[in-house]
Amino acid sequence: MKISVLGSGTSHGIPVVGCGCPVCTSADPRDKRMRSSVYIEGSAGEAALIDTGPEFRLQAIRAGIVRLDAIFLTHAHADHIHGLDDVRPLCREKAIPVYGNEQTIREMKEVFSYVWRETQEGGGKPKLTPLVIDGPVCVGGLRFTPVPVKHGLLDILGWEVEEDSSPGKSFLYLTDTNAIPPDSFQQLSRGASPLSRVMIIDGLRVRPHVTHFSFEQALNAAFDLGAGSAYLTHICHENSHEEIEEFCRKFRESRGIAKAEFHPAYDGLEIAI
């Protein structure tokens, strides 16, 4: 299984429009952060997305995406679904299933209402099959399990992905998260063996936020869940990639972590599991 980080930025994207801060004007390509999304490829060629942000077209071209079997949504905020129309070239032959919780699917259908009503010929629209998730979903040899988490007052989903060919290992994606409910924590604690889980987890900035984990909160959650590798995503423009790397290094030292790897994610990062 290969994970491609299509975007690692917060809702504004980085650079932020009209901002001249050191991160927004940085020459380091890792400081250019499109809206958060990941592309997952299975060993047998399966292909799935988690979220479709506003830059999906550009992200797909950059990543060379030519196939898409399923889309899994975390929630229906603009920075996570507004690129959905751009999957059109990938669903000419068959409709793509789109999975989410009830609220997410309802709001997604409202935003893209033209997709499900009769319209004139021409222009085109994506072929999508919206599905409210009620348990794990298999896409070939990939198994996607929904993980309920909190985004402020909003109930959203993280996703844990396992592959038949790699038993005992998993990939966990938790974006836009500020709390993991006890039931979800227990669900995850029963999952992959220690240090065999790779995580990408919401870490907005150093300062606390009411709907997102801070860097420290995110890394603590990754540590508590026994992640062998964890990457921060949904990052704002208050810190450069290098500064966040240093934060992660100091966190590992303060917790006496020798084996686990904690880093900021960046656009274009590829992770093999």
C-alpha atoms as a PDB file:
ATOM      1  CA  MET A   1       0.000   0.000   0.000  1.00  0.00           C
ATOM      2  CA  LYS A   2       1.285   3.447  -0.880  1.00  0.00           C
ATOM      3  CA  ILE A   3       0.026   6.703   0.599  1.00  0.00           C
ATOM      4  CA  SER A   4       0.511   9.930  -1.374  1.00  0.00           C
ATOM      5  CA  VAL A   5      -0.063  13.196   0.483  1.00  0.00           C
ATOM      6  CA  LEU A   6      -1.891  15.396  -2.027  1.00  0.00           C
ATOM      7  CA  GLY A   7      -2.211  18.307   0.388  1.00  0.00           C
ATOM      8  CA  SER A   8      -1.108  19.064   3.946  1.00  0.00           C
ATOM      9  CA  GLY A   9      -2.444  22.572   4.518  1.00  0.00           C
ATOM     10  CA  THR A  10      -5.231  24.164   6.494  1.00  0.00           C
ATOM     11  CA  SER A  11      -8.418  25.601   4.981  1.00  0.00           C
ATOM     12  CA  HIS A  12      -6.734  28.729   3.564  1.00  0.00           C
ATOM     13  CA  GLY A  13      -3.974  26.778   1.848  1.00  0.00           C
ATOM     14  CA  ILE A  14      -0.387  28.026   2.042  1.00  0.00           C
ATOM     15  CA  PRO A  15       0.556  30.620   0.812  1.00  0.00           C
ATOM     16  CA  VAL A  16      -2.474  32.394   2.232  1.00  0.00           C
ATOM     17  CA  VAL A  17      -4.033  34.941  -0.113  1.00  0.00           C
ATOM     18  CA  GLY A  18      -2.627  38.404   0.623  1.00  0.00           C
ATOM     19  CA  CYS A  19      -0.117  37.204   3.231  1.00  0.00           C
ATOM     20  CA  GLY A  20       3.573  38.102   3.163  1.00  0.00           C
ATOM     21  CA  CYS A  21       4.704  36.180   6.241  1.00  0.00           C
ATOM     22  CA  PRO A  22       7.977  34.177   6.184  1.00  0.00           C
ATOM     23  CA  VAL A  23       6.180  30.858   5.612  1.00  0.00           C
ATOM     24  CA  CYS A  24       3.923  32.154   2.828  1.00  0.00           C
ATOM     25  CA  THR A  25       6.948  33.640   1.045  1.00  0.00           C
ATOM     26  CA  SER A  26       9.277  30.717   1.785  1.00  0.00           C
ATOM     27  CA  ALA A  27      11.371  29.213  -1.017  1.00  0.00           C
ATOM     28  CA  ASP A  28      11.133  25.752   0.588  1.00  0.00           C
ATOM     29  CA  PRO A  29       8.639  23.749  -1.518  1.00  0.00           C
ATOM     30  CA  ARG A  30       7.564  21.878   1.619  1.00  0.00           C
ATOM     31  CA  ASP A  31       6.056  25.152   2.887  1.00  0.00           C
ATOM     32  CA  LYS A  32       3.617  25.228  -0.058  1.00  0.00           C
ATOM     33  CA  ARG A  33       0.581  23.437   1.347  1.00  0.00           C
ATOM     34  CA  MET A  34      -2.545  22.680  -0.656  1.00  0.00           C
ATOM     35  CA  ARG A  35      -5.712  21.644   1.159  1.00  0.00           C
ATOM     36  CA  SER A  36      -5.508  18.312   2.994  1.00  0.00           C
ATOM     37  CA  SER A  37      -6.104  15.051   1.123  1.00  0.00           C
ATOM     38  CA  VAL A  38      -4.444  11.677   0.579  1.00  0.00           C
ATOM     39  CA  TYR A  39      -4.418   9.174  -2.297  1.00  0.00           C
ATOM     40  CA  ILE A  40      -4.104   5.489  -1.466  1.00  0.00           C
ATOM     41  CA  GLU A  41      -2.926   2.776  -3.854  1.00  0.00           C
ATOM     42  CA  GLY A  42      -3.190  -0.914  -3.033  1.00  0.00           C
ATOM     43  CA  SER A  43      -0.737  -3.598  -4.061  1.00  0.00           C
ATOM     44  CA  ALA A  44      -3.220  -4.885  -6.662  1.00  0.00           C
ATOM     45  CA  GLY A  45      -3.769  -1.433  -8.173  1.00  0.00           C
ATOM     46  CA  GLU A  46      -6.724  -0.334  -6.063  1.00  0.00           C
ATOM     47  CA  ALA A  47      -7.040   3.448  -5.887  1.00  0.00           C
ATOM     48  CA  ALA A  48      -8.940   5.566  -3.375  1.00  0.00           C
ATOM     49  CA  LEU A  49      -9.079   9.145  -2.125  1.00  0.00           C
ATOM     50  CA  ILE A  50      -9.709  10.515   1.310  1.00  0.00           C
ATOM     51  CA  ASP A  51     -11.302  13.940   0.692  1.00  0.00           C
ATOM     52  CA  THR A  52     -11.357  16.042  -2.468  1.00  0.00           C
ATOM     53  CA  GLY A  53     -10.129  19.537  -1.697  1.00  0.00           C
ATOM     54  CA  PRO A  54     -10.390  22.601  -3.946  1.00  0.00           C
ATOM     55  CA  GLU A  55      -7.022  21.871  -5.635  1.00  0.00           C
ATOM     56  CA  PHE A  56      -7.844  18.250  -6.487  1.00  0.00           C
ATOM     57  CA  ARG A  57      -7.365  18.777 -10.229  1.00  0.00           C
ATOM     58  CA  LEU A  58      -3.858  20.147  -9.704  1.00  0.00           C
ATOM     59  CA  GLN A  59      -3.056  17.523  -7.097  1.00  0.00           C
ATOM     60  CA  ALA A  60      -4.202  14.684  -9.354  1.00  0.00           C
ATOM     61  CA  ILE A  61      -2.103  15.936 -12.272  1.00  0.00           C
ATOM     62  CA  ARG A  62       0.954  16.308 -10.065  1.00  0.00           C
ATOM     63  CA  ALA A  63       0.498  12.822  -8.574  1.00  0.00           C
ATOM     64  CA  GLY A  64      -0.285  11.204 -11.942  1.00  0.00           C
ATOM     65  CA  ILE A  65      -3.662   9.845 -10.835  1.00  0.00           C
ATOM     66  CA  VAL A  66      -5.365   7.902 -13.642  1.00  0.00           C
ATOM     67  CA  ARG A  67      -7.686   5.608 -11.676  1.00  0.00           C
ATOM     68  CA  LEU A  68     -10.118   6.012  -8.815  1.00  0.00           C
ATOM     69  CA  ASP A  69     -12.227   3.234  -7.280  1.00  0.00           C
ATOM     70  CA  ALA A  70     -13.707   5.009  -4.251  1.00  0.00           C
ATOM     71  CA  ILE A  71     -13.803   8.282  -2.322  1.00  0.00           C
ATOM     72  CA  PHE A  72     -13.952   8.463   1.467  1.00  0.00           C
ATOM     73  CA  LEU A  73     -14.958  11.771   3.063  1.00  0.00           C
ATOM     74  CA  THR A  74     -14.052  12.956   6.537  1.00  0.00           C
ATOM     75  CA  HIS A  75     -16.637  15.763   6.551  1.00  0.00           C
ATOM     76  CA  ALA A  76     -18.254  18.279   4.213  1.00  0.00           C
ATOM     77  CA  HIS A  77     -16.336  21.501   4.862  1.00  0.00           C
ATOM     78  CA  ALA A  78     -15.321  23.343   1.700  1.00  0.00           C
ATOM     79  CA  ASP A  79     -11.622  22.554   1.982  1.00  0.00           C
ATOM     80  CA  HIS A  80     -12.420  18.829   1.984  1.00  0.00           C
ATOM     81  CA  ILE A  81     -15.074  18.411  -0.722  1.00  0.00           C
ATOM     82  CA  HIS A  82     -15.014  21.348  -3.144  1.00  0.00           C
ATOM     83  CA  GLY A  83     -12.838  19.519  -5.674  1.00  0.00           C
ATOM     84  CA  LEU A  84     -15.361  16.715  -6.056  1.00  0.00           C
ATOM     85  CA  ASP A  85     -16.500  17.810  -9.518  1.00  0.00           C
ATOM     86  CA  ASP A  86     -12.945  17.384 -10.798  1.00  0.00           C
ATOM     87  CA  VAL A  87     -13.128  13.594 -10.515  1.00  0.00           C
ATOM     88  CA  ARG A  88     -15.192  13.628 -13.746  1.00  0.00           C
ATOM     89  CA  PRO A  89     -12.388  12.311 -15.998  1.00  0.00           C
ATOM     90  CA  LEU A  90     -11.965   9.368 -13.618  1.00  0.00           C
ATOM     91  CA  CYS A  91     -15.593   8.210 -13.662  1.00  0.00           C
ATOM     92  CA  ARG A  92     -16.478   8.166 -17.345  1.00  0.00           C
ATOM     93  CA  GLU A  93     -16.829   4.372 -17.396  1.00  0.00           C
ATOM     94  CA  LYS A  94     -18.507   3.764 -14.041  1.00  0.00           C
ATOM     95  CA  ALA A  95     -19.830   5.680 -11.055  1.00  0.00           C
ATOM     96  CA  ILE A  96     -17.486   6.170  -8.118  1.00  0.00           C
ATOM     97  CA  PRO A  97     -18.883   5.382  -4.651  1.00  0.00           C
ATOM     98  CA  VAL A  98     -18.524   8.230  -2.148  1.00  0.00           C
ATOM     99  CA  TYR A  99     -18.606   7.220   1.522  1.00  0.00           C
ATOM    100  CA  GLY A 100     -19.218   9.368   4.581  1.00  0.00           C
ATOM    101  CA  ASN A 101     -21.395   9.661   7.657  1.00  0.00           C
ATOM    102  CA  GLU A 102     -25.019  10.739   7.292  1.00  0.00           C
ATOM    103  CA  GLN A 103     -24.424  14.462   7.825  1.00  0.00           C
ATOM    104  CA  THR A 104     -21.479  14.553   5.423  1.00  0.00           C
ATOM    105  CA  ILE A 105     -23.353  12.777   2.635  1.00  0.00           C
ATOM    106  CA  ARG A 106     -26.393  15.002   3.107  1.00  0.00           C
ATOM    107  CA  GLU A 107     -24.341  18.201   2.950  1.00  0.00           C
ATOM    108  CA  MET A 108     -22.275  16.938   0.025  1.00  0.00           C
ATOM    109  CA  LYS A 109     -25.470  16.233  -1.942  1.00  0.00           C
ATOM    110  CA  GLU A 110     -26.709  19.753  -1.165  1.00  0.00           C
ATOM    111  CA  VAL A 111     -23.483  21.397  -2.337  1.00  0.00           C
ATOM    112  CA  PHE A 112     -23.404  19.342  -5.554  1.00  0.00           C
ATOM    113  CA  SER A 113     -27.177  19.148  -6.056  1.00  0.00           C
ATOM    114  CA  TYR A 114     -26.853  19.419  -9.864  1.00  0.00           C
ATOM    115  CA  VAL A 115     -25.224  15.993  -9.944  1.00  0.00           C
ATOM    116  CA  TRP A 116     -28.455  14.282  -8.893  1.00  0.00           C
ATOM    117  CA  ARG A 117     -31.035  16.270 -10.830  1.00  0.00           C
ATOM    118  CA  GLU A 118     -31.852  16.236 -14.518  1.00  0.00           C
ATOM    119  CA  THR A 119     -29.842  18.847 -16.376  1.00  0.00           C
ATOM    120  CA  GLN A 120     -29.224  19.797 -19.989  1.00  0.00           C
ATOM    121  CA  GLU A 121     -26.846  17.833 -22.172  1.00  0.00           C
ATOM    122  CA  GLY A 122     -23.274  19.065 -22.346  1.00  0.00           C
ATOM    123  CA  GLY A 123     -20.885  20.287 -19.727  1.00  0.00           C
ATOM    124  CA  GLY A 124     -20.854  16.957 -17.960  1.00  0.00           C
ATOM    125  CA  LYS A 125     -21.054  16.059 -14.325  1.00  0.00           C
ATOM    126  CA  PRO A 126     -19.388  13.379 -12.241  1.00  0.00           C
ATOM    127  CA  LYS A 127     -20.910   9.933 -11.901  1.00  0.00           C
ATOM    128  CA  LEU A 128     -21.077   9.428  -8.150  1.00  0.00           C
ATOM    129  CA  THR A 129     -22.893   7.015  -5.836  1.00  0.00           C
ATOM    130  CA  PRO A 130     -23.260   8.582  -2.364  1.00  0.00           C
ATOM    131  CA  LEU A 131     -23.295   6.002   0.437  1.00  0.00           C
ATOM    132  CA  VAL A 132     -23.766   6.490   4.173  1.00  0.00           C
ATOM    133  CA  ILE A 133     -21.163   4.354   5.891  1.00  0.00           C
ATOM    134  CA  ASP A 134     -22.329   1.778   8.434  1.00  0.00           C
ATOM    135  CA  GLY A 135     -19.166  -0.265   8.867  1.00  0.00           C
ATOM    136  CA  PRO A 136     -15.921  -1.266   7.155  1.00  0.00           C
ATOM    137  CA  VAL A 137     -15.791  -1.129   3.339  1.00  0.00           C
ATOM    138  CA  CYS A 138     -13.480  -3.206   1.149  1.00  0.00           C
ATOM    139  CA  VAL A 139     -11.964  -1.829  -2.052  1.00  0.00           C
ATOM    140  CA  GLY A 140     -10.240  -4.875  -3.479  1.00  0.00           C
ATOM    141  CA  GLY A 141      -7.701  -5.915  -0.859  1.00  0.00           C
ATOM    142  CA  LEU A 142      -7.986  -2.610   1.040  1.00  0.00           C
ATOM    143  CA  ARG A 143     -10.268  -2.399   4.050  1.00  0.00           C
ATOM    144  CA  PHE A 144     -11.461   1.074   5.120  1.00  0.00           C
ATOM    145  CA  THR A 145     -12.836   1.314   8.656  1.00  0.00           C
ATOM    146  CA  PRO A 146     -14.555   4.534   9.783  1.00  0.00           C
ATOM    147  CA  VAL A 147     -13.277   6.070  13.026  1.00  0.00           C
ATOM    148  CA  PRO A 148     -15.661   8.618  14.618  1.00  0.00           C
ATOM    149  CA  VAL A 149     -13.813  11.674  15.941  1.00  0.00           C
ATOM    150  CA  LYS A 150     -14.695  15.226  16.952  1.00  0.00           C
ATOM    151  CA  HIS A 151     -14.051  18.415  14.995  1.00  0.00           C
ATOM    152  CA  GLY A 152     -15.227  20.899  17.587  1.00  0.00           C
ATOM    153  CA  LEU A 153     -18.934  20.107  18.003  1.00  0.00           C
ATOM    154  CA  LEU A 154     -19.045  18.308  14.654  1.00  0.00           C
ATOM    155  CA  ASP A 155     -19.043  14.510  14.443  1.00  0.00           C
ATOM    156  CA  ILE A 156     -16.736  13.550  11.585  1.00  0.00           C
ATOM    157  CA  LEU A 157     -14.814  10.474  10.465  1.00  0.00           C
ATOM    158  CA  GLY A 158     -11.226   9.422  10.405  1.00  0.00           C
ATOM    159  CA  TRP A 159     -10.312   6.356   8.362  1.00  0.00           C
ATOM    160  CA  GLU A 160      -8.124   3.376   9.158  1.00  0.00           C
ATOM    161  CA  VAL A 161      -6.913   1.416   6.136  1.00  0.00           C
ATOM    162  CA  GLU A 162      -5.560  -2.119   6.215  1.00  0.00           C
ATOM    163  CA  GLU A 163      -4.410  -4.349   3.368  1.00  0.00           C
ATOM    164  CA  ASP A 164      -4.870  -8.101   3.089  1.00  0.00           C
ATOM    165  CA  SER A 165      -1.279  -8.528   1.940  1.00  0.00           C
ATOM    166  CA  SER A 166       0.130  -6.724   5.016  1.00  0.00           C
ATOM    167  CA  PRO A 167      -1.602  -8.209   8.078  1.00  0.00           C
ATOM    168  CA  GLY A 168      -0.956  -6.419  11.355  1.00  0.00           C
ATOM    169  CA  LYS A 169      -0.103  -3.113   9.699  1.00  0.00           C
ATOM    170  CA  SER A 170      -2.384  -0.156   9.161  1.00  0.00           C
ATOM    171  CA  PHE A 171      -2.658   3.446   8.005  1.00  0.00           C
ATOM    172  CA  LEU A 172      -4.719   5.852  10.087  1.00  0.00           C
ATOM    173  CA  TYR A 173      -5.879   9.233   8.756  1.00  0.00           C
ATOM    174  CA  LEU A 174      -7.283  11.712  11.282  1.00  0.00           C
ATOM    175  CA  THR A 175      -7.611  15.210   9.896  1.00  0.00           C
ATOM    176  CA  ASP A 176      -9.607  18.126  11.374  1.00  0.00           C
ATOM    177  CA  THR A 177      -9.622  16.456  14.780  1.00  0.00           C
ATOM    178  CA  ASN A 178      -9.537  17.937  18.257  1.00  0.00           C
ATOM    179  CA  ALA A 179     -10.698  14.906  20.240  1.00  0.00           C
ATOM    180  CA  ILE A 180     -10.793  11.128  19.890  1.00  0.00           C
ATOM    181  CA  PRO A 181     -13.838   9.791  21.785  1.00  0.00           C
ATOM    182  CA  PRO A 182     -13.238   6.913  24.230  1.00  0.00           C
ATOM    183  CA  ASP A 183     -15.048   4.367  22.029  1.00  0.00           C
ATOM    184  CA  SER A 184     -12.887   5.283  19.047  1.00  0.00           C
ATOM    185  CA  PHE A 185      -9.729   5.186  21.153  1.00  0.00           C
ATOM    186  CA  GLN A 186     -10.650   1.687  22.317  1.00  0.00           C
ATOM    187  CA  GLN A 187     -11.404   0.674  18.720  1.00  0.00           C
ATOM    188  CA  LEU A 188      -7.971   1.864  17.614  1.00  0.00           C
ATOM    189  CA  SER A 189      -6.216   0.368  20.631  1.00  0.00           C
ATOM    190  CA  ARG A 190      -7.504  -3.056  19.576  1.00  0.00           C
ATOM    191  CA  GLY A 191      -6.084  -2.591  16.088  1.00  0.00           C
ATOM    192  CA  ALA A 192      -2.526  -2.734  14.803  1.00  0.00           C
ATOM    193  CA  SER A 193       0.282  -4.041  16.962  1.00  0.00           C
ATOM    194  CA  PRO A 194       2.645  -1.471  18.560  1.00  0.00           C
ATOM    195  CA  LEU A 195       4.720   0.621  16.122  1.00  0.00           C
ATOM    196  CA  SER A 196       3.073  -1.039  13.094  1.00  0.00           C
ATOM    197  CA  ARG A 197       0.605   1.808  12.528  1.00  0.00           C
ATOM    198  CA  VAL A 198       1.385   4.784  10.309  1.00  0.00           C
ATOM    199  CA  MET A 199      -0.660   7.889  11.095  1.00  0.00           C
ATOM    200  CA  ILE A 200      -1.350  11.190   9.449  1.00  0.00           C
ATOM    201  CA  ILE A 201      -2.973  13.379  12.062  1.00  0.00           C
ATOM    202  CA  ASP A 202      -4.305  16.914  12.301  1.00  0.00           C
ATOM    203  CA  GLY A 203      -1.798  19.325  13.846  1.00  0.00           C
ATOM    204  CA  LEU A 204      -2.736  22.898  13.046  1.00  0.00           C
ATOM    205  CA  ARG A 205      -0.123  24.903  14.958  1.00  0.00           C
ATOM    206  CA  VAL A 206       1.705  25.249  18.290  1.00  0.00           C
ATOM    207  CA  ARG A 207      -1.087  27.293  19.922  1.00  0.00           C
ATOM    208  CA  PRO A 208      -4.310  25.522  21.036  1.00  0.00           C
ATOM    209  CA  HIS A 209      -7.370  25.699  18.794  1.00  0.00           C
ATOM    210  CA  VAL A 210     -11.009  24.870  19.555  1.00  0.00           C
ATOM    211  CA  THR A 211     -11.531  22.510  16.588  1.00  0.00           C
ATOM    212  CA  HIS A 212      -8.029  21.190  15.788  1.00  0.00           C
ATOM    213  CA  PHE A 213      -5.229  19.443  17.631  1.00  0.00           C
ATOM    214  CA  SER A 214      -2.146  21.509  18.344  1.00  0.00           C
ATOM    215  CA  PHE A 215       1.204  19.955  17.422  1.00  0.00           C
ATOM    216  CA  GLU A 216       1.705  18.644  20.947  1.00  0.00           C
ATOM    217  CA  GLN A 217      -1.833  17.279  21.248  1.00  0.00           C
ATOM    218  CA  ALA A 218      -1.513  15.486  17.919  1.00  0.00           C
ATOM    219  CA  LEU A 219       1.852  13.946  18.766  1.00  0.00           C
ATOM    220  CA  ASN A 220       0.587  12.872  22.186  1.00  0.00           C
ATOM    221  CA  ALA A 221      -2.369  11.147  20.525  1.00  0.00           C
ATOM    222  CA  ALA A 222      -0.049   9.404  18.055  1.00  0.00           C
ATOM    223  CA  PHE A 223       2.204   8.293  20.928  1.00  0.00           C
ATOM    224  CA  ASP A 224      -0.765   7.016  22.967  1.00  0.00           C
ATOM    225  CA  LEU A 225      -2.020   5.024  19.973  1.00  0.00           C
ATOM    226  CA  GLY A 226       1.358   3.374  19.473  1.00  0.00           C
ATOM    227  CA  ALA A 227       2.120   4.818  16.053  1.00  0.00           C
ATOM    228  CA  GLY A 228       5.442   3.765  14.585  1.00  0.00           C
ATOM    229  CA  SER A 229       5.340   6.791  12.291  1.00  0.00           C
ATOM    230  CA  ALA A 230       3.166   9.892  12.542  1.00  0.00           C
ATOM    231  CA  TYR A 231       2.919  12.917  10.273  1.00  0.00           C
ATOM    232  CA  LEU A 232       1.181  16.205  11.060  1.00  0.00           C
ATOM    233  CA  THR A 233      -1.240  17.593   8.476  1.00  0.00           C
ATOM    234  CA  HIS A 234      -3.754  20.456   8.080  1.00  0.00           C
ATOM    235  CA  ILE A 235      -0.885  22.796   9.002  1.00  0.00           C
ATOM    236  CA  CYS A 236      -1.317  26.580   9.032  1.00  0.00           C
ATOM    237  CA  HIS A 237       1.267  29.248   8.115  1.00  0.00           C
ATOM    238  CA  GLU A 238       2.606  30.008  11.592  1.00  0.00           C
ATOM    239  CA  ASN A 239       5.537  27.589  11.302  1.00  0.00           C
ATOM    240  CA  SER A 240       7.837  26.454   8.522  1.00  0.00           C
ATOM    241  CA  HIS A 241       8.474  22.806   7.727  1.00  0.00           C
ATOM    242  CA  GLU A 242      11.909  23.025   9.310  1.00  0.00           C
ATOM    243  CA  GLU A 243      10.516  24.596  12.488  1.00  0.00           C
ATOM    244  CA  ILE A 244       7.934  21.825  12.804  1.00  0.00           C
ATOM    245  CA  GLU A 245      10.620  19.183  12.266  1.00  0.00           C
ATOM    246  CA  GLU A 246      12.490  20.724  15.196  1.00  0.00           C
ATOM    247  CA  PHE A 247       9.316  20.704  17.306  1.00  0.00           C
ATOM    248  CA  CYS A 248       8.841  16.995  16.552  1.00  0.00           C
ATOM    249  CA  ARG A 249      12.488  16.251  17.387  1.00  0.00           C
ATOM    250  CA  LYS A 250      12.205  17.983  20.756  1.00  0.00           C
ATOM    251  CA  PHE A 251       8.922  16.165  21.459  1.00  0.00           C
ATOM    252  CA  ARG A 252      10.563  12.789  20.841  1.00  0.00           C
ATOM    253  CA  GLU A 253      13.441  13.733  23.139  1.00  0.00           C
ATOM    254  CA  SER A 254      11.109  14.951  25.898  1.00  0.00           C
ATOM    255  CA  ARG A 255       9.122  11.710  25.787  1.00  0.00           C
ATOM    256  CA  GLY A 256      12.153   9.449  25.425  1.00  0.00           C
ATOM    257  CA  ILE A 257      10.891   8.095  22.115  1.00  0.00           C
ATOM    258  CA  ALA A 258      13.632   6.198  20.316  1.00  0.00           C
ATOM    259  CA  LYS A 259      11.837   4.002  17.784  1.00  0.00           C
ATOM    260  CA  ALA A 260       8.865   6.032  16.535  1.00  0.00           C
ATOM    261  CA  GLU A 261       9.248   8.655  13.798  1.00  0.00           C
ATOM    262  CA  PHE A 262       7.241  11.908  14.095  1.00  0.00           C
ATOM    263  CA  HIS A 263       7.399  14.542  11.340  1.00  0.00           C
ATOM    264  CA  PRO A 264       5.341  17.189   9.537  1.00  0.00           C
ATOM    265  CA  ALA A 265       3.733  15.939   6.347  1.00  0.00           C
ATOM    266  CA  TYR A 266       4.282  17.860   3.125  1.00  0.00           C
ATOM    267  CA  ASP A 267       2.656  17.934  -0.291  1.00  0.00           C
ATOM    268  CA  GLY A 268       4.052  15.134  -2.439  1.00  0.00           C
ATOM    269  CA  LEU A 269       5.185  12.962   0.478  1.00  0.00           C
ATOM    270  CA  GLU A 270       4.885   9.240  -0.336  1.00  0.00           C
ATOM    271  CA  ILE A 271       4.668   6.571   2.369  1.00  0.00           C
ATOM    272  CA  ALA A 272       4.984   2.852   1.667  1.00  0.00           C
ATOM    273  CA  ILE A 273       3.290   0.453   4.098  1.00  0.00           C
END
